[in-house]
Protein backbone atom coordinates (compact mmCIF):
# COMPACT_ATOMS: atom_id res chain seq x y z
CA MET A 1 -57.71 -20.47 -91.57
CA THR A 2 -59.72 -17.19 -92.82
CA PRO A 3 -59.58 -16.43 -96.68
CA GLN A 4 -56.80 -13.67 -95.92
CA ALA A 5 -54.89 -16.95 -95.27
CA ARG A 6 -51.47 -17.16 -97.31
CA CYS A 7 -49.08 -18.42 -97.39
CA ARG A 8 -46.13 -19.65 -100.19
CA CYS A 9 -45.82 -23.40 -100.91
CA LYS A 10 -44.05 -25.63 -102.92
CA ALA A 11 -45.60 -28.54 -105.25
CA THR A 12 -43.20 -31.68 -105.34
CA GLY A 13 -45.28 -33.00 -107.87
CA GLY A 14 -45.73 -29.93 -109.48
CA MET A 15 -47.35 -26.68 -109.28
CA LEU A 16 -49.74 -24.55 -110.60
CA TYR A 17 -49.45 -23.38 -113.47
CA SER A 18 -46.39 -25.29 -114.40
CA PRO A 19 -46.91 -27.26 -118.03
CA THR A 20 -44.66 -30.27 -116.89
CA ALA A 21 -46.67 -31.55 -113.69
CA PRO A 22 -49.70 -30.56 -113.42
CA VAL A 23 -50.15 -32.69 -110.28
CA VAL A 24 -50.34 -30.69 -107.22
CA ARG A 25 -48.68 -31.37 -104.01
CA LEU A 26 -47.73 -28.94 -101.12
CA THR A 27 -45.35 -28.50 -98.35
CA ALA A 28 -44.62 -25.57 -96.26
CA GLN A 29 -41.44 -24.86 -98.31
CA SER A 30 -41.06 -21.59 -100.48
CA ASP A 31 -40.00 -21.83 -104.10
CA ALA A 32 -38.09 -18.85 -105.40
CA ASN A 33 -39.16 -19.24 -108.59
CA MET A 34 -42.67 -18.60 -107.64
CA ASP A 35 -43.55 -14.64 -108.25
CA ARG A 36 -47.34 -15.49 -107.62
CA ILE A 37 -48.43 -16.50 -104.33
CA ILE A 38 -51.05 -19.12 -104.71
CA LYS A 39 -53.21 -19.40 -101.30
CA PRO A 40 -53.82 -23.18 -100.45
CA TYR A 41 -57.29 -24.53 -98.82
CA ILE A 42 -57.71 -27.73 -96.92
CA LEU A 43 -60.78 -29.41 -96.73
CA LYS A 44 -61.53 -31.66 -94.10
CA ARG A 45 -64.95 -33.93 -92.92
CA THR A 46 -66.58 -33.08 -89.99
CA PRO A 47 -68.29 -35.60 -88.65
CA ASP A 48 -71.50 -33.35 -87.87
CA GLN A 49 -71.70 -31.88 -90.93
CA ASP A 50 -75.52 -31.82 -91.81
CA GLN A 51 -75.44 -33.01 -95.52
CA GLY A 52 -79.44 -32.97 -96.01
CA ARG A 53 -79.98 -29.04 -95.19
CA LYS A 54 -81.90 -26.97 -97.83
CA LEU A 55 -79.31 -24.99 -99.07
CA SER A 56 -79.11 -21.64 -98.78
CA LEU A 57 -77.28 -18.36 -99.27
CA ASP A 58 -75.88 -17.68 -95.44
CA TYR A 59 -72.76 -19.36 -96.48
CA ALA A 60 -70.93 -18.94 -92.65
CA LYS A 61 -73.80 -21.29 -91.82
CA GLU A 62 -74.23 -23.84 -94.89
CA LEU A 63 -70.11 -24.09 -94.99
CA ASN A 64 -67.68 -25.33 -92.19
CA ALA A 65 -64.88 -23.02 -91.96
CA GLN A 66 -62.34 -24.79 -94.45
CA GLN A 67 -65.18 -24.63 -97.04
CA TYR A 68 -65.69 -21.00 -95.86
CA ALA A 69 -62.50 -19.22 -95.98
CA ALA A 70 -62.51 -21.23 -100.25
CA VAL A 71 -65.53 -19.96 -101.14
CA THR A 72 -65.22 -16.72 -99.53
CA ALA A 73 -61.20 -16.67 -101.34
CA ILE A 74 -60.35 -13.22 -102.40
CA ASP A 75 -58.59 -12.72 -105.71
CA GLY A 76 -55.92 -14.90 -107.24
CA PRO A 77 -54.79 -18.09 -107.57
CA ALA A 78 -55.76 -19.95 -105.14
CA LEU A 79 -55.43 -24.21 -104.36
CA VAL A 80 -58.42 -26.32 -102.92
CA ILE A 81 -57.08 -29.90 -101.37
CA ALA A 82 -60.08 -31.70 -100.43
CA GLY A 83 -60.10 -35.12 -99.04
CA ALA A 84 -62.67 -37.41 -99.82
CA GLY A 85 -66.02 -36.65 -98.35
CA SER A 86 -65.42 -33.04 -97.60
CA GLY A 87 -67.23 -31.39 -99.47
CA LYS A 88 -64.96 -30.30 -102.38
CA THR A 89 -68.34 -30.11 -104.96
CA ARG A 90 -70.31 -28.58 -101.66
CA THR A 91 -67.37 -25.97 -102.07
CA LEU A 92 -67.35 -25.29 -105.89
CA VAL A 93 -70.62 -24.47 -105.89
CA HIS A 94 -70.41 -22.30 -104.07
CA ARG A 95 -67.56 -20.09 -105.06
CA VAL A 96 -70.02 -19.76 -108.03
CA ALA A 97 -73.04 -19.13 -106.19
CA TYR A 98 -70.76 -16.37 -104.22
CA LEU A 99 -69.36 -15.34 -107.08
CA ILE A 100 -72.55 -14.49 -108.70
CA ASP A 101 -73.75 -12.46 -105.31
CA SER A 102 -70.74 -10.62 -105.05
CA GLY A 103 -71.53 -9.15 -108.38
CA VAL A 104 -69.43 -11.00 -110.40
CA ASP A 105 -71.12 -11.16 -114.20
CA PRO A 106 -72.20 -15.38 -114.82
CA SER A 107 -70.53 -15.02 -118.21
CA HIS A 108 -67.21 -14.13 -116.82
CA ILE A 109 -66.80 -17.44 -114.70
CA LEU A 110 -65.36 -20.51 -116.36
CA LEU A 111 -66.00 -24.01 -114.41
CA LEU A 112 -64.18 -26.47 -116.38
CA THR A 113 -64.56 -30.45 -114.61
CA PHE A 114 -64.00 -33.82 -116.77
CA THR A 115 -66.92 -34.92 -117.62
CA ARG A 116 -70.23 -32.71 -118.89
CA LYS A 117 -72.35 -34.39 -116.30
CA SER A 118 -70.49 -33.05 -113.41
CA ALA A 119 -70.36 -29.86 -114.98
CA GLU A 120 -74.29 -30.24 -115.84
CA GLU A 121 -74.67 -31.03 -111.43
CA MET A 122 -72.65 -28.27 -110.55
CA LEU A 123 -74.41 -25.50 -112.57
CA GLU A 124 -77.75 -27.52 -111.22
CA ARG A 125 -77.11 -27.27 -107.77
CA VAL A 126 -75.98 -23.48 -108.42
CA GLY A 127 -78.98 -23.18 -109.78
CA VAL A 128 -80.79 -23.71 -107.34
CA LEU A 129 -78.62 -21.52 -104.67
CA ILE A 130 -79.17 -18.46 -106.38
CA GLY A 131 -81.84 -19.49 -109.56
CA SER A 132 -81.25 -18.79 -112.86
CA ARG A 133 -78.52 -16.73 -113.24
CA SER A 134 -76.00 -19.76 -113.11
CA GLN A 135 -77.13 -20.85 -116.58
CA ARG A 136 -75.23 -18.40 -117.97
CA VAL A 137 -72.01 -19.08 -116.69
CA CYS A 138 -69.38 -21.06 -119.39
CA GLY A 139 -69.26 -24.33 -117.46
CA GLY A 140 -68.46 -27.86 -119.55
CA THR A 141 -65.17 -30.24 -119.81
CA PHE A 142 -61.33 -28.97 -121.41
CA HIS A 143 -62.66 -30.48 -124.40
CA SER A 144 -66.67 -28.84 -125.55
CA VAL A 145 -64.86 -25.41 -124.16
CA ALA A 146 -62.40 -25.49 -126.91
CA ASN A 147 -64.61 -26.32 -129.18
CA MET A 148 -66.94 -23.61 -128.37
CA LEU A 149 -63.54 -21.56 -128.37
CA LEU A 150 -62.40 -22.68 -131.73
CA ARG A 151 -65.69 -22.33 -133.87
CA ARG A 152 -66.12 -18.59 -132.56
CA TYR A 153 -61.91 -17.75 -132.61
CA GLY A 154 -60.34 -20.72 -134.75
CA ARG A 155 -60.84 -18.72 -138.17
CA VAL A 156 -57.23 -16.99 -137.66
CA LEU A 157 -56.25 -20.64 -137.69
CA GLY A 158 -58.00 -21.45 -141.45
CA ILE A 159 -60.60 -22.68 -139.33
CA GLU A 160 -63.65 -22.52 -139.96
CA PRO A 161 -66.57 -22.82 -137.29
CA GLY A 162 -68.28 -25.87 -139.74
CA PHE A 163 -65.57 -27.71 -138.74
CA THR A 164 -66.30 -31.36 -137.64
CA ILE A 165 -64.92 -33.27 -134.52
CA MET A 166 -63.85 -37.34 -135.26
CA ASP A 167 -64.01 -39.47 -133.01
CA ARG A 168 -61.40 -42.08 -131.51
CA GLY A 169 -62.77 -45.03 -134.67
CA ASP A 170 -62.58 -42.07 -136.99
CA ALA A 171 -59.05 -41.05 -136.39
CA GLU A 172 -57.87 -44.53 -136.92
CA ASP A 173 -59.47 -45.29 -139.60
CA LEU A 174 -58.12 -42.04 -141.52
CA ILE A 175 -54.72 -42.96 -140.34
CA ALA A 176 -55.48 -47.06 -141.68
CA LEU A 177 -55.95 -45.45 -144.68
CA LEU A 178 -53.45 -42.99 -145.01
CA ARG A 179 -50.88 -45.58 -143.84
CA VAL A 180 -51.97 -47.36 -147.05
CA GLN A 181 -52.18 -44.52 -149.06
CA LEU A 182 -48.08 -44.07 -148.33
CA GLY A 183 -47.31 -47.81 -148.56
CA LEU A 184 -46.04 -48.04 -145.55
CA ASN A 185 -44.68 -51.04 -143.64
CA GLU A 186 -48.20 -52.74 -145.82
CA LYS A 187 -46.79 -56.35 -144.77
CA ASP A 188 -44.86 -56.11 -141.36
CA LYS A 189 -46.83 -57.93 -138.48
CA ARG A 190 -44.22 -55.72 -136.29
CA PHE A 191 -45.31 -52.12 -137.54
CA PRO A 192 -48.16 -50.60 -135.29
CA ARG A 193 -52.04 -51.26 -135.27
CA LYS A 194 -53.96 -47.56 -136.06
CA GLY A 195 -54.97 -47.90 -132.74
CA THR A 196 -51.15 -47.98 -131.58
CA ILE A 197 -50.08 -45.18 -133.85
CA ALA A 198 -53.46 -43.28 -133.12
CA GLU A 199 -51.99 -43.33 -129.02
CA ILE A 200 -48.11 -42.77 -130.18
CA TYR A 201 -50.11 -39.56 -131.48
CA SER A 202 -52.73 -37.90 -128.75
CA LYS A 203 -49.57 -38.85 -126.12
CA CYS A 204 -47.68 -36.46 -128.37
CA GLU A 205 -49.71 -33.74 -128.21
CA ASN A 206 -50.82 -34.14 -124.69
CA THR A 207 -47.90 -34.35 -123.16
CA LEU A 208 -45.82 -31.42 -125.69
CA ARG A 209 -43.40 -34.05 -126.34
CA GLY A 210 -42.07 -34.66 -129.90
CA LEU A 211 -42.37 -38.69 -131.54
CA GLU A 212 -38.97 -40.13 -130.96
CA GLU A 213 -39.08 -38.77 -127.55
CA ILE A 214 -42.38 -40.17 -126.93
CA VAL A 215 -41.91 -43.86 -129.47
CA LEU A 216 -38.07 -44.50 -127.67
CA ASP A 217 -39.10 -43.62 -124.18
CA GLU A 218 -42.38 -45.63 -124.43
CA PHE A 219 -42.44 -47.78 -127.46
CA SER A 220 -39.04 -48.70 -127.97
CA HIS A 221 -40.36 -51.65 -129.70
CA PHE A 222 -41.19 -49.55 -132.44
CA ALA A 223 -38.02 -47.37 -133.04
CA ASP A 224 -37.03 -48.93 -136.20
CA HIS A 225 -40.64 -47.78 -137.54
CA LEU A 226 -39.93 -44.21 -136.23
CA GLU A 227 -38.98 -42.43 -139.52
CA ALA A 228 -42.43 -43.87 -141.05
CA LEU A 229 -43.59 -43.05 -138.21
CA GLY A 230 -42.99 -39.96 -138.34
CA LYS A 231 -43.60 -39.17 -142.19
CA LEU A 232 -47.39 -40.78 -141.41
CA GLN A 233 -48.31 -38.05 -138.39
CA ARG A 234 -47.38 -35.29 -141.53
CA ALA A 235 -49.44 -36.68 -143.58
CA TYR A 236 -52.51 -37.47 -141.03
CA ARG A 237 -52.78 -33.54 -140.07
CA LEU A 238 -52.17 -32.72 -143.52
CA ALA A 239 -55.08 -34.36 -144.26
CA LYS A 240 -56.80 -33.12 -141.18
CA ARG A 241 -56.55 -29.96 -141.84
CA GLN A 242 -57.87 -29.95 -145.83
CA ARG A 243 -60.30 -31.44 -144.91
CA GLN A 244 -61.22 -29.06 -142.08
CA LEU A 245 -61.55 -32.14 -139.62
CA LEU A 246 -60.52 -32.25 -135.99
CA ASP A 247 -59.83 -35.08 -133.77
CA TYR A 248 -59.95 -34.72 -129.75
CA ASP A 249 -56.61 -34.03 -128.87
CA ASP A 250 -56.98 -31.27 -131.72
CA LEU A 251 -59.29 -29.65 -129.83
CA LEU A 252 -56.97 -28.13 -127.16
CA VAL A 253 -53.63 -28.24 -129.27
CA LEU A 254 -55.66 -25.44 -131.85
CA LEU A 255 -56.88 -23.92 -129.06
CA ARG A 256 -53.18 -23.93 -127.18
CA GLU A 257 -52.27 -22.72 -130.91
CA VAL A 258 -54.89 -19.77 -131.02
CA LEU A 259 -53.85 -18.55 -127.69
CA THR A 260 -50.13 -18.81 -127.91
CA ASN A 261 -49.50 -17.23 -131.31
CA ASP A 262 -52.53 -14.58 -131.09
CA GLU A 263 -52.40 -12.00 -128.68
CA GLN A 264 -55.34 -10.10 -129.70
CA THR A 265 -57.39 -13.11 -129.48
CA ARG A 266 -55.82 -13.96 -126.55
CA LEU A 267 -56.72 -11.23 -124.88
CA THR A 268 -60.40 -10.91 -125.82
CA ILE A 269 -60.76 -14.74 -124.06
CA SER A 270 -58.63 -13.76 -121.22
CA ARG A 271 -60.44 -10.90 -120.22
CA GLN A 272 -63.93 -12.77 -120.66
CA PHE A 273 -63.27 -15.23 -117.88
CA ARG A 274 -62.34 -13.23 -115.23
CA TYR A 275 -62.79 -16.70 -112.31
CA ILE A 276 -62.01 -19.58 -113.65
CA LEU A 277 -62.49 -23.05 -111.63
CA VAL A 278 -60.69 -27.08 -112.24
CA ASP A 279 -61.76 -29.77 -110.94
CA GLU A 280 -59.91 -32.60 -110.46
CA TYR A 281 -56.94 -30.72 -110.85
CA GLN A 282 -54.67 -33.27 -110.35
CA ASP A 283 -55.95 -35.42 -113.31
CA THR A 284 -54.98 -32.68 -115.62
CA ASN A 285 -52.29 -33.38 -118.39
CA ARG A 286 -49.99 -30.90 -119.46
CA LEU A 287 -51.69 -29.22 -122.49
CA GLN A 288 -54.55 -29.02 -120.13
CA ALA A 289 -52.59 -26.96 -117.35
CA GLU A 290 -51.22 -24.92 -120.09
CA LEU A 291 -54.50 -23.74 -121.35
CA ILE A 292 -55.56 -22.48 -117.79
CA ARG A 293 -52.23 -20.49 -117.42
CA LYS A 294 -52.89 -19.19 -120.66
CA LEU A 295 -56.75 -18.31 -120.62
CA ALA A 296 -55.89 -17.09 -117.09
CA THR A 297 -53.45 -14.40 -118.74
CA THR A 298 -55.74 -11.13 -117.82
CA HIS A 299 -57.50 -11.85 -114.33
CA ASP A 300 -54.80 -14.65 -112.65
CA ASN A 301 -57.98 -15.81 -110.33
CA VAL A 302 -57.51 -19.69 -111.03
CA MET A 303 -58.61 -22.15 -108.22
CA VAL A 304 -57.77 -25.28 -109.08
CA VAL A 305 -59.37 -28.23 -106.33
CA GLY A 306 -57.68 -31.80 -106.21
CA ASP A 307 -57.28 -34.15 -103.90
CA ASP A 308 -54.65 -35.43 -101.34
CA SER A 309 -53.54 -38.79 -102.60
C-alpha cells in the first residue's frame, strides 16, 4: 500500500469520529453517510524484521512497507489497524518523528495514549530519533491533556485554574456525605452503596447517556431508587462546582462542554493541534471519541491506531 492509497470504508462496530461506537472495524464497503475519506493502514508482522537495529532517520529503510505508508501518510483522517507484533508503537513513534522532520512545529502535535507511561516512553523514543525537539510535543492520557486544557481555558465555564481533582475514593466519600445530608434511604440496605453510585454516575458521563437509561438497562434492581439517585446526582454536581472539585470524569465532560459551547476556545485549541495521534483507539468510549472529533475541528488530521480483534 502506498501512502496515497485510499478507500472508502465502513465500520461494522462504529467508525472514526462516531461518538456512538468507538471500536473501529473496517470492510471494503462504502458508507454513503461518510463525507470524509478515511485511509486504512494494516500492519503485519514481518518475519525478518530486525528489532535490534539502531534507529535512524532513513524511514524507508527502518520500516516495512505498511509501516512506512502509515508513517508518511498525507493529511486527513487515517486509521491504522495493527495486529500483535506488527510494530504499532514503532509506527507511532516514527510518525511523530516524521512530522517533526517534515517541518511541523512539535507543539502542534498531540499524542493521546491510555497511560502516562506509554506517552512518556513513546516520546523518549522519538527523542532518540530526532533529539530534544520531541520535548515540545503534547503527549499524555485523555485525562492529563484535559486537565491541562481546563486549567488554561476553564474560566469560560467558571472553572478556576486552581481546581482540585478528586480520586475515586474522594468522589465516593463526597457522595456518601451528600446522601446523609439529603437523608436518602439511610436505613434501606437495598439502596446502592457509594461505590456503585459512583459507577452509575461515571457510566452516565462516559457513555453520554441519561441516568434513567443507565439504571434501567444496567442496574435495574435499583430502579425503585431512580428518583433518589437523580436527586443525589444533582447535589453531587452542585457540590463539586461550588467547591471547585472535579472528579476524573469531569475532566473529560467539562472539556467537551468547553469545546461545544465556546466556539472561540474550540477554534483556539483545535488550531493548536494540527496533528492528533491516538493509541489504542478500540478502547475509547463515546465521550473520548467525541473529544477527538472536536479537537480536530480545524485541521482534521487524526491518525488513530487500533488492534485487529
